[in-house]
Amino acid sequence: MVVAWQAPGLERYARDWLMRLRGPVPVSNEIAIVAIDDSSIAKLGRFPWTRSVMARAVDAIAAQQPKAIALDVLFSDPTTPDDDQALAAAIGRARTVIVGAELADGGVYGGEARWLMPLPLLAAQAAATGHVNVGAESDGSARQVLVEQSDDAGNALRAIPVETFRIGNRIPAQAIVEGPNEFVIGPRAIPVEASGNAVRGNARLRRATRMAIDYAGPAGAFAAQQYSIAELLEGKTAPGALRGKYVLVGSTAASLGERFASPFTHYA
């Protein structure tokens, strides 16, 4: 305890070492990634694309009957009414889409933390909204995700992976049980670490709880279960490839999105 207090990074690095010592593990066959990748950008043009393109992608994914579709893309600004309505209609038809929101830090809004929420038109058709925030530590590594985050007004959202699992398994929000050391959602009990004192927000007590990211391996671990969004729209994805899966839609293109180090970053 004294050593950990004097060197707070020691525990983090020990966990990284243990994960590397364990080595890569087989990835879950329940997960599929539909990627906004470099080849898709080369074919469809610079991102962001029109919302009608994303609407077609949602329809193509939904046609294969996945468990849930998580859109790890922010749709907080309006575009054209027709394109926005097309995406909202596609989300409504799919019925199991989770849209993302991001908590902007206080520096952007003069000290107030606020949600960058999806357009109300889209959120109204979605099955749920989850936060996409991933906090990097001082060394640039991402090791944990906050199960729930709140803005300064007490408006809280659960993490998008939590909401994706919940929607995919038809678990009502009120069925989630939060304990001091675990977070129970349907058949799964997820170990969590709680920190700080509980605070009251929106008529209930909230405590910052973090779940560890259990990396399956280095970058590319899910390559066999990753599909280009351009190939999906061209009908080149194998029939049934997404059936019964949690489908994650997000960016892998080098020019887009944030990059985090993992325990496997220097594994090779």
C-alpha atoms as a PDB file:
ATOM      1  CA  MET A   1       0.000   0.000   0.000  1.00  0.00           C
ATOM      2  CA  VAL A   2       2.853   2.390   0.852  1.00  0.00           C
ATOM      3  CA  VAL A   3       4.615   1.627  -2.439  1.00  0.00           C
ATOM      4  CA  ALA A   4       1.392   2.115  -4.443  1.00  0.00           C
ATOM      5  CA  TRP A   5       0.819   5.450  -2.673  1.00  0.00           C
ATOM      6  CA  GLN A   6       4.340   6.646  -3.455  1.00  0.00           C
ATOM      7  CA  ALA A   7       4.219   5.343  -7.051  1.00  0.00           C
ATOM      8  CA  PRO A   8       0.572   5.474  -8.201  1.00  0.00           C
ATOM      9  CA  GLY A   9       1.444   4.194 -11.679  1.00  0.00           C
ATOM     10  CA  LEU A  10       2.868   0.943 -10.337  1.00  0.00           C
ATOM     11  CA  GLU A  11      -0.491  -0.817 -10.099  1.00  0.00           C
ATOM     12  CA  ARG A  12      -1.453   0.253 -13.621  1.00  0.00           C
ATOM     13  CA  TYR A  13       1.765  -0.990 -15.122  1.00  0.00           C
ATOM     14  CA  ALA A  14       1.534  -4.246 -13.164  1.00  0.00           C
ATOM     15  CA  ARG A  15      -1.914  -4.850 -14.660  1.00  0.00           C
ATOM     16  CA  ASP A  16      -0.563  -4.093 -18.135  1.00  0.00           C
ATOM     17  CA  TRP A  17       2.262  -6.571 -17.608  1.00  0.00           C
ATOM     18  CA  LEU A  18      -0.123  -9.270 -16.418  1.00  0.00           C
ATOM     19  CA  MET A  19      -2.354  -8.736 -19.467  1.00  0.00           C
ATOM     20  CA  ARG A  20       0.620  -9.001 -21.820  1.00  0.00           C
ATOM     21  CA  LEU A  21       1.824 -12.077 -19.937  1.00  0.00           C
ATOM     22  CA  ARG A  22      -1.611 -13.654 -20.456  1.00  0.00           C
ATOM     23  CA  GLY A  23      -1.336 -12.826 -24.126  1.00  0.00           C
ATOM     24  CA  PRO A  24      -4.088 -12.377 -26.736  1.00  0.00           C
ATOM     25  CA  VAL A  25      -7.309 -14.334 -26.264  1.00  0.00           C
ATOM     26  CA  PRO A  26      -9.929 -15.413 -28.809  1.00  0.00           C
ATOM     27  CA  VAL A  27     -12.328 -12.581 -29.565  1.00  0.00           C
ATOM     28  CA  SER A  28     -16.053 -12.975 -28.982  1.00  0.00           C
ATOM     29  CA  ASN A  29     -17.915 -14.213 -32.037  1.00  0.00           C
ATOM     30  CA  GLU A  30     -20.920 -12.191 -30.842  1.00  0.00           C
ATOM     31  CA  ILE A  31     -19.267  -8.947 -31.953  1.00  0.00           C
ATOM     32  CA  ALA A  32     -18.906  -7.535 -35.453  1.00  0.00           C
ATOM     33  CA  ILE A  33     -17.429  -4.211 -36.518  1.00  0.00           C
ATOM     34  CA  VAL A  34     -18.724  -2.233 -39.486  1.00  0.00           C
ATOM     35  CA  ALA A  35     -15.898   0.194 -40.063  1.00  0.00           C
ATOM     36  CA  ILE A  36     -15.663   3.656 -41.510  1.00  0.00           C
ATOM     37  CA  ASP A  37     -12.238   2.731 -42.848  1.00  0.00           C
ATOM     38  CA  ASP A  38      -9.768   4.188 -45.310  1.00  0.00           C
ATOM     39  CA  SER A  39     -11.109   2.123 -48.211  1.00  0.00           C
ATOM     40  CA  SER A  40     -14.654   3.360 -47.514  1.00  0.00           C
ATOM     41  CA  ILE A  41     -13.482   6.974 -47.488  1.00  0.00           C
ATOM     42  CA  ALA A  42     -11.656   6.383 -50.782  1.00  0.00           C
ATOM     43  CA  LYS A  43     -14.889   5.102 -52.343  1.00  0.00           C
ATOM     44  CA  LEU A  44     -17.503   7.313 -50.672  1.00  0.00           C
ATOM     45  CA  GLY A  45     -15.545  10.523 -50.242  1.00  0.00           C
ATOM     46  CA  ARG A  46     -14.391  12.531 -47.268  1.00  0.00           C
ATOM     47  CA  PHE A  47     -16.148  11.876 -43.963  1.00  0.00           C
ATOM     48  CA  PRO A  48     -18.647  12.935 -42.648  1.00  0.00           C
ATOM     49  CA  TRP A  49     -20.854  11.551 -45.366  1.00  0.00           C
ATOM     50  CA  THR A  50     -24.430  12.606 -45.908  1.00  0.00           C
ATOM     51  CA  ARG A  51     -26.853  11.138 -43.388  1.00  0.00           C
ATOM     52  CA  SER A  52     -28.589   9.267 -46.220  1.00  0.00           C
ATOM     53  CA  VAL A  53     -25.421   7.151 -46.639  1.00  0.00           C
ATOM     54  CA  MET A  54     -25.510   6.237 -42.963  1.00  0.00           C
ATOM     55  CA  ALA A  55     -29.236   5.514 -43.309  1.00  0.00           C
ATOM     56  CA  ARG A  56     -28.479   3.004 -46.062  1.00  0.00           C
ATOM     57  CA  ALA A  57     -25.821   1.421 -43.858  1.00  0.00           C
ATOM     58  CA  VAL A  58     -28.228   1.066 -40.931  1.00  0.00           C
ATOM     59  CA  ASP A  59     -30.828  -0.520 -43.219  1.00  0.00           C
ATOM     60  CA  ALA A  60     -28.235  -2.943 -44.637  1.00  0.00           C
ATOM     61  CA  ILE A  61     -27.109  -3.979 -41.150  1.00  0.00           C
ATOM     62  CA  ALA A  62     -30.663  -4.301 -39.831  1.00  0.00           C
ATOM     63  CA  ALA A  63     -31.587  -6.541 -42.766  1.00  0.00           C
ATOM     64  CA  GLN A  64     -29.223  -9.180 -41.347  1.00  0.00           C
ATOM     65  CA  GLN A  65     -31.057  -9.148 -37.988  1.00  0.00           C
ATOM     66  CA  PRO A  66     -28.306  -8.303 -35.508  1.00  0.00           C
ATOM     67  CA  LYS A  67     -28.864  -8.209 -31.761  1.00  0.00           C
ATOM     68  CA  ALA A  68     -28.116  -4.493 -31.586  1.00  0.00           C
ATOM     69  CA  ILE A  69     -26.461  -1.736 -33.612  1.00  0.00           C
ATOM     70  CA  ALA A  70     -24.224   0.744 -31.780  1.00  0.00           C
ATOM     71  CA  LEU A  71     -23.478   3.927 -33.729  1.00  0.00           C
ATOM     72  CA  ASP A  72     -20.200   5.231 -32.308  1.00  0.00           C
ATOM     73  CA  VAL A  73     -20.596   8.372 -34.407  1.00  0.00           C
ATOM     74  CA  LEU A  74     -21.805  11.751 -33.160  1.00  0.00           C
ATOM     75  CA  PHE A  75     -24.874  13.134 -34.947  1.00  0.00           C
ATOM     76  CA  SER A  76     -25.273  16.274 -32.858  1.00  0.00           C
ATOM     77  CA  ASP A  77     -25.613  18.835 -35.665  1.00  0.00           C
ATOM     78  CA  PRO A  78     -28.440  19.092 -38.189  1.00  0.00           C
ATOM     79  CA  THR A  79     -27.704  18.717 -41.903  1.00  0.00           C
ATOM     80  CA  THR A  80     -30.440  18.751 -44.536  1.00  0.00           C
ATOM     81  CA  PRO A  81     -33.986  17.905 -43.391  1.00  0.00           C
ATOM     82  CA  ASP A  82     -34.285  15.073 -45.938  1.00  0.00           C
ATOM     83  CA  ASP A  83     -31.007  13.428 -44.926  1.00  0.00           C
ATOM     84  CA  ASP A  84     -31.685  13.764 -41.201  1.00  0.00           C
ATOM     85  CA  GLN A  85     -35.167  12.327 -41.655  1.00  0.00           C
ATOM     86  CA  ALA A  86     -33.793   9.443 -43.730  1.00  0.00           C
ATOM     87  CA  LEU A  87     -31.403   8.444 -40.939  1.00  0.00           C
ATOM     88  CA  ALA A  88     -34.096   8.826 -38.275  1.00  0.00           C
ATOM     89  CA  ALA A  89     -36.424   6.584 -40.301  1.00  0.00           C
ATOM     90  CA  ALA A  90     -33.703   3.934 -40.708  1.00  0.00           C
ATOM     91  CA  ILE A  91     -32.986   3.987 -36.965  1.00  0.00           C
ATOM     92  CA  GLY A  92     -36.686   3.618 -36.256  1.00  0.00           C
ATOM     93  CA  ARG A  93     -37.032   0.671 -38.641  1.00  0.00           C
ATOM     94  CA  ALA A  94     -34.074  -1.145 -37.074  1.00  0.00           C
ATOM     95  CA  ARG A  95     -35.540  -0.727 -33.536  1.00  0.00           C
ATOM     96  CA  THR A  96     -32.299  -1.789 -31.796  1.00  0.00           C
ATOM     97  CA  VAL A  97     -30.003   1.150 -32.560  1.00  0.00           C
ATOM     98  CA  ILE A  98     -28.002   2.847 -29.812  1.00  0.00           C
ATOM     99  CA  VAL A  99     -26.786   6.346 -30.634  1.00  0.00           C
ATOM    100  CA  GLY A 100     -23.813   8.088 -29.060  1.00  0.00           C
ATOM    101  CA  ALA A 101     -23.412  11.228 -26.976  1.00  0.00           C
ATOM    102  CA  GLU A 102     -20.208  12.856 -25.779  1.00  0.00           C
ATOM    103  CA  LEU A 103     -19.583  14.766 -22.572  1.00  0.00           C
ATOM    104  CA  ALA A 104     -17.664  17.924 -23.454  1.00  0.00           C
ATOM    105  CA  ASP A 105     -15.315  19.081 -20.729  1.00  0.00           C
ATOM    106  CA  GLY A 106     -15.854  22.337 -18.930  1.00  0.00           C
ATOM    107  CA  GLY A 107     -13.228  24.232 -20.886  1.00  0.00           C
ATOM    108  CA  VAL A 108     -15.408  24.302 -23.984  1.00  0.00           C
ATOM    109  CA  TYR A 109     -18.371  25.937 -22.237  1.00  0.00           C
ATOM    110  CA  GLY A 110     -16.730  28.199 -19.705  1.00  0.00           C
ATOM    111  CA  GLY A 111     -16.508  25.679 -16.890  1.00  0.00           C
ATOM    112  CA  GLU A 112     -19.753  23.777 -17.448  1.00  0.00           C
ATOM    113  CA  ALA A 113     -19.674  20.140 -18.547  1.00  0.00           C
ATOM    114  CA  ARG A 114     -22.425  19.536 -21.102  1.00  0.00           C
ATOM    115  CA  TRP A 115     -23.605  16.671 -23.244  1.00  0.00           C
ATOM    116  CA  LEU A 116     -23.227  16.795 -27.009  1.00  0.00           C
ATOM    117  CA  MET A 117     -26.442  14.895 -27.614  1.00  0.00           C
ATOM    118  CA  PRO A 118     -27.681  13.346 -30.854  1.00  0.00           C
ATOM    119  CA  LEU A 119     -30.344  15.288 -32.720  1.00  0.00           C
ATOM    120  CA  PRO A 120     -33.697  14.916 -30.936  1.00  0.00           C
ATOM    121  CA  LEU A 121     -35.098  13.557 -34.203  1.00  0.00           C
ATOM    122  CA  LEU A 122     -32.599  10.681 -34.089  1.00  0.00           C
ATOM    123  CA  ALA A 123     -32.670  10.091 -30.330  1.00  0.00           C
ATOM    124  CA  ALA A 124     -36.459   9.767 -30.422  1.00  0.00           C
ATOM    125  CA  GLN A 125     -36.175   6.821 -32.827  1.00  0.00           C
ATOM    126  CA  ALA A 126     -33.228   5.127 -31.112  1.00  0.00           C
ATOM    127  CA  ALA A 127     -33.592   2.340 -28.576  1.00  0.00           C
ATOM    128  CA  ALA A 128     -31.113   4.100 -26.260  1.00  0.00           C
ATOM    129  CA  THR A 129     -28.399   6.742 -26.043  1.00  0.00           C
ATOM    130  CA  GLY A 130     -25.012   5.898 -24.540  1.00  0.00           C
ATOM    131  CA  HIS A 131     -21.908   7.944 -23.856  1.00  0.00           C
ATOM    132  CA  VAL A 132     -18.819   7.368 -25.985  1.00  0.00           C
ATOM    133  CA  ASN A 133     -16.256   8.956 -23.645  1.00  0.00           C
ATOM    134  CA  VAL A 134     -13.069   7.015 -23.008  1.00  0.00           C
ATOM    135  CA  GLY A 135     -10.639   8.601 -20.593  1.00  0.00           C
ATOM    136  CA  ALA A 136      -6.943   8.238 -21.271  1.00  0.00           C
ATOM    137  CA  GLU A 137      -4.561   8.241 -18.330  1.00  0.00           C
ATOM    138  CA  SER A 138      -1.405  10.328 -18.013  1.00  0.00           C
ATOM    139  CA  ASP A 139       0.604   7.900 -20.170  1.00  0.00           C
ATOM    140  CA  GLY A 140      -1.993   7.993 -22.970  1.00  0.00           C
ATOM    141  CA  SER A 141      -3.389   4.528 -22.209  1.00  0.00           C
ATOM    142  CA  ALA A 142      -7.081   3.711 -21.894  1.00  0.00           C
ATOM    143  CA  ARG A 143      -7.632   1.120 -19.188  1.00  0.00           C
ATOM    144  CA  GLN A 144     -11.130   1.813 -17.860  1.00  0.00           C
ATOM    145  CA  VAL A 145     -14.512   3.179 -18.918  1.00  0.00           C
ATOM    146  CA  LEU A 146     -16.925   5.000 -16.640  1.00  0.00           C
ATOM    147  CA  VAL A 147     -20.106   2.924 -16.438  1.00  0.00           C
ATOM    148  CA  GLU A 148     -22.091   6.133 -16.167  1.00  0.00           C
ATOM    149  CA  GLN A 149     -21.256   9.796 -16.664  1.00  0.00           C
ATOM    150  CA  SER A 150     -23.173  12.919 -15.753  1.00  0.00           C
ATOM    151  CA  ASP A 151     -23.084  16.533 -16.810  1.00  0.00           C
ATOM    152  CA  ASP A 152     -23.113  19.396 -14.325  1.00  0.00           C
ATOM    153  CA  ALA A 153     -26.917  19.415 -14.337  1.00  0.00           C
ATOM    154  CA  GLY A 154     -27.089  15.788 -13.172  1.00  0.00           C
ATOM    155  CA  ASN A 155     -28.155  14.330 -16.522  1.00  0.00           C
ATOM    156  CA  ALA A 156     -26.549  10.900 -16.641  1.00  0.00           C
ATOM    157  CA  LEU A 157     -25.927   8.444 -19.466  1.00  0.00           C
ATOM    158  CA  ARG A 158     -24.522   4.937 -19.312  1.00  0.00           C
ATOM    159  CA  ALA A 159     -21.632   3.873 -21.530  1.00  0.00           C
ATOM    160  CA  ILE A 160     -22.542   2.810 -25.040  1.00  0.00           C
ATOM    161  CA  PRO A 161     -21.217  -0.782 -24.560  1.00  0.00           C
ATOM    162  CA  VAL A 162     -23.452  -1.171 -21.505  1.00  0.00           C
ATOM    163  CA  GLU A 163     -26.495   0.107 -23.397  1.00  0.00           C
ATOM    164  CA  THR A 164     -25.656  -2.053 -26.410  1.00  0.00           C
ATOM    165  CA  PHE A 165     -25.583  -5.193 -24.271  1.00  0.00           C
ATOM    166  CA  ARG A 166     -28.793  -4.136 -22.517  1.00  0.00           C
ATOM    167  CA  ILE A 167     -30.724  -3.471 -25.732  1.00  0.00           C
ATOM    168  CA  GLY A 168     -29.342  -6.589 -27.405  1.00  0.00           C
ATOM    169  CA  ASN A 169     -30.668  -8.729 -24.557  1.00  0.00           C
ATOM    170  CA  ARG A 170     -33.971  -6.827 -24.128  1.00  0.00           C
ATOM    171  CA  ILE A 171     -33.129  -5.876 -20.539  1.00  0.00           C
ATOM    172  CA  PRO A 172     -35.170  -2.970 -19.145  1.00  0.00           C
ATOM    173  CA  ALA A 173     -33.156  -0.079 -17.734  1.00  0.00           C
ATOM    174  CA  GLN A 174     -34.697  -0.494 -14.283  1.00  0.00           C
ATOM    175  CA  ALA A 175     -33.439  -4.089 -14.095  1.00  0.00           C
ATOM    176  CA  ILE A 176     -29.810  -2.959 -13.801  1.00  0.00           C
ATOM    177  CA  VAL A 177     -28.410  -3.360 -10.279  1.00  0.00           C
ATOM    178  CA  GLU A 178     -25.438  -1.270  -9.183  1.00  0.00           C
ATOM    179  CA  GLY A 179     -23.394  -2.482  -6.232  1.00  0.00           C
ATOM    180  CA  PRO A 180     -20.174  -1.190  -4.654  1.00  0.00           C
ATOM    181  CA  ASN A 181     -18.017  -3.777  -6.433  1.00  0.00           C
ATOM    182  CA  GLU A 182     -20.102  -5.017  -9.346  1.00  0.00           C
ATOM    183  CA  PHE A 183     -22.578  -3.879 -11.926  1.00  0.00           C
ATOM    184  CA  VAL A 184     -25.266  -6.498 -12.684  1.00  0.00           C
ATOM    185  CA  ILE A 185     -26.998  -6.277 -16.030  1.00  0.00           C
ATOM    186  CA  GLY A 186     -29.184  -9.255 -16.817  1.00  0.00           C
ATOM    187  CA  PRO A 187     -27.063 -12.437 -16.740  1.00  0.00           C
ATOM    188  CA  ARG A 188     -23.761 -10.559 -16.460  1.00  0.00           C
ATOM    189  CA  ALA A 189     -22.043  -9.313 -13.320  1.00  0.00           C
ATOM    190  CA  ILE A 190     -19.275  -6.886 -14.257  1.00  0.00           C
ATOM    191  CA  PRO A 191     -16.578  -6.118 -11.659  1.00  0.00           C
ATOM    192  CA  VAL A 192     -16.189  -2.375 -11.147  1.00  0.00           C
ATOM    193  CA  GLU A 193     -14.077  -0.028  -9.085  1.00  0.00           C
ATOM    194  CA  ALA A 194     -15.911   2.732  -7.244  1.00  0.00           C
ATOM    195  CA  SER A 195     -14.193   5.957  -6.321  1.00  0.00           C
ATOM    196  CA  GLY A 196     -15.203   9.099  -4.492  1.00  0.00           C
ATOM    197  CA  ASN A 197     -18.325   9.799  -2.508  1.00  0.00           C
ATOM    198  CA  ALA A 198     -21.812   9.270  -3.863  1.00  0.00           C
ATOM    199  CA  VAL A 199     -23.549  12.424  -5.059  1.00  0.00           C
ATOM    200  CA  ARG A 200     -27.206  13.060  -5.649  1.00  0.00           C
ATOM    201  CA  GLY A 201     -28.356  13.664  -9.202  1.00  0.00           C
ATOM    202  CA  ASN A 202     -31.829  13.446 -10.725  1.00  0.00           C
ATOM    203  CA  ALA A 203     -33.364  12.117  -7.495  1.00  0.00           C
ATOM    204  CA  ARG A 204     -30.911   9.269  -6.892  1.00  0.00           C
ATOM    205  CA  LEU A 205     -27.417   8.736  -5.549  1.00  0.00           C
ATOM    206  CA  ARG A 206     -24.655   8.295  -8.108  1.00  0.00           C
ATOM    207  CA  ARG A 207     -21.109   7.071  -7.622  1.00  0.00           C
ATOM    208  CA  ALA A 208     -18.275   7.069 -10.156  1.00  0.00           C
ATOM    209  CA  THR A 209     -17.769   3.406 -11.087  1.00  0.00           C
ATOM    210  CA  ARG A 210     -15.272   2.207 -13.659  1.00  0.00           C
ATOM    211  CA  MET A 211     -15.097  -1.081 -15.508  1.00  0.00           C
ATOM    212  CA  ALA A 212     -11.756  -2.347 -16.774  1.00  0.00           C
ATOM    213  CA  ILE A 213     -11.175  -2.740 -20.506  1.00  0.00           C
ATOM    214  CA  ASP A 214     -10.192  -6.386 -20.967  1.00  0.00           C
ATOM    215  CA  TYR A 215      -8.305  -6.113 -24.253  1.00  0.00           C
ATOM    216  CA  ALA A 216      -8.478  -9.223 -26.409  1.00  0.00           C
ATOM    217  CA  GLY A 217      -5.127  -8.422 -27.987  1.00  0.00           C
ATOM    218  CA  PRO A 218      -3.222  -5.842 -30.013  1.00  0.00           C
ATOM    219  CA  ALA A 219      -4.641  -3.721 -32.810  1.00  0.00           C
ATOM    220  CA  GLY A 220      -6.330  -5.842 -35.460  1.00  0.00           C
ATOM    221  CA  ALA A 221      -7.566  -8.485 -33.017  1.00  0.00           C
ATOM    222  CA  PHE A 222     -11.075  -8.216 -34.515  1.00  0.00           C
ATOM    223  CA  ALA A 223      -9.901  -8.102 -38.143  1.00  0.00           C
ATOM    224  CA  ALA A 224     -11.682 -11.356 -39.029  1.00  0.00           C
ATOM    225  CA  GLN A 225     -14.967  -9.874 -37.783  1.00  0.00           C
ATOM    226  CA  GLN A 226     -14.549  -6.417 -39.304  1.00  0.00           C
ATOM    227  CA  TYR A 227     -16.397  -5.318 -42.431  1.00  0.00           C
ATOM    228  CA  SER A 228     -15.950  -2.204 -44.533  1.00  0.00           C
ATOM    229  CA  ILE A 229     -19.015   0.029 -44.672  1.00  0.00           C
ATOM    230  CA  ALA A 230     -18.420   0.536 -48.399  1.00  0.00           C
ATOM    231  CA  GLU A 231     -18.441  -3.213 -49.044  1.00  0.00           C
ATOM    232  CA  LEU A 232     -21.588  -3.531 -46.938  1.00  0.00           C
ATOM    233  CA  LEU A 233     -23.348  -0.943 -49.111  1.00  0.00           C
ATOM    234  CA  GLU A 234     -22.115  -2.708 -52.250  1.00  0.00           C
ATOM    235  CA  GLY A 235     -23.630  -5.978 -51.036  1.00  0.00           C
ATOM    236  CA  LYS A 236     -20.249  -7.700 -50.722  1.00  0.00           C
ATOM    237  CA  THR A 237     -20.668  -8.702 -47.063  1.00  0.00           C
ATOM    238  CA  ALA A 238     -21.473 -12.393 -46.692  1.00  0.00           C
ATOM    239  CA  PRO A 239     -25.179 -13.038 -45.998  1.00  0.00           C
ATOM    240  CA  GLY A 240     -25.723 -13.679 -42.303  1.00  0.00           C
ATOM    241  CA  ALA A 241     -22.320 -12.306 -41.278  1.00  0.00           C
ATOM    242  CA  LEU A 242     -24.016  -9.887 -38.880  1.00  0.00           C
ATOM    243  CA  ARG A 243     -26.949 -12.040 -37.807  1.00  0.00           C
ATOM    244  CA  GLY A 244     -27.392 -12.254 -34.043  1.00  0.00           C
ATOM    245  CA  LYS A 245     -24.352 -10.072 -33.329  1.00  0.00           C
ATOM    246  CA  TYR A 246     -23.659  -6.838 -31.523  1.00  0.00           C
ATOM    247  CA  VAL A 247     -22.695  -4.636 -34.468  1.00  0.00           C
ATOM    248  CA  LEU A 248     -20.421  -1.707 -33.671  1.00  0.00           C
ATOM    249  CA  VAL A 249     -20.283   1.060 -36.275  1.00  0.00           C
ATOM    250  CA  GLY A 250     -17.354   3.417 -35.949  1.00  0.00           C
ATOM    251  CA  SER A 251     -14.158   4.766 -37.431  1.00  0.00           C
ATOM    252  CA  THR A 252     -10.919   2.868 -37.950  1.00  0.00           C
ATOM    253  CA  ALA A 253      -9.580   5.294 -40.568  1.00  0.00           C
ATOM    254  CA  ALA A 254      -6.183   6.767 -39.735  1.00  0.00           C
ATOM    255  CA  SER A 255      -7.450  10.296 -40.329  1.00  0.00           C
ATOM    256  CA  LEU A 256     -10.477   9.995 -38.030  1.00  0.00           C
ATOM    257  CA  GLY A 257     -11.167   9.459 -34.363  1.00  0.00           C
ATOM    258  CA  GLU A 258      -9.064   9.310 -31.239  1.00  0.00           C
ATOM    259  CA  ARG A 259      -6.222   6.887 -30.699  1.00  0.00           C
ATOM    260  CA  PHE A 260      -5.397   5.321 -27.350  1.00  0.00           C
ATOM    261  CA  ALA A 261      -2.537   3.158 -26.204  1.00  0.00           C
ATOM    262  CA  SER A 262      -3.366  -0.266 -24.769  1.00  0.00           C
ATOM    263  CA  PRO A 263      -1.334  -2.771 -22.761  1.00  0.00           C
ATOM    264  CA  PHE A 264      -0.542  -4.449 -26.104  1.00  0.00           C
ATOM    265  CA  THR A 265       0.718  -1.310 -27.855  1.00  0.00           C
ATOM    266  CA  HIS A 266       4.370  -2.307 -27.413  1.00  0.00           C
ATOM    267  CA  TYR A 267       3.632  -6.044 -27.277  1.00  0.00           C
ATOM    268  CA  ALA A 268       5.392  -6.875 -30.570  1.00  0.00           C
END
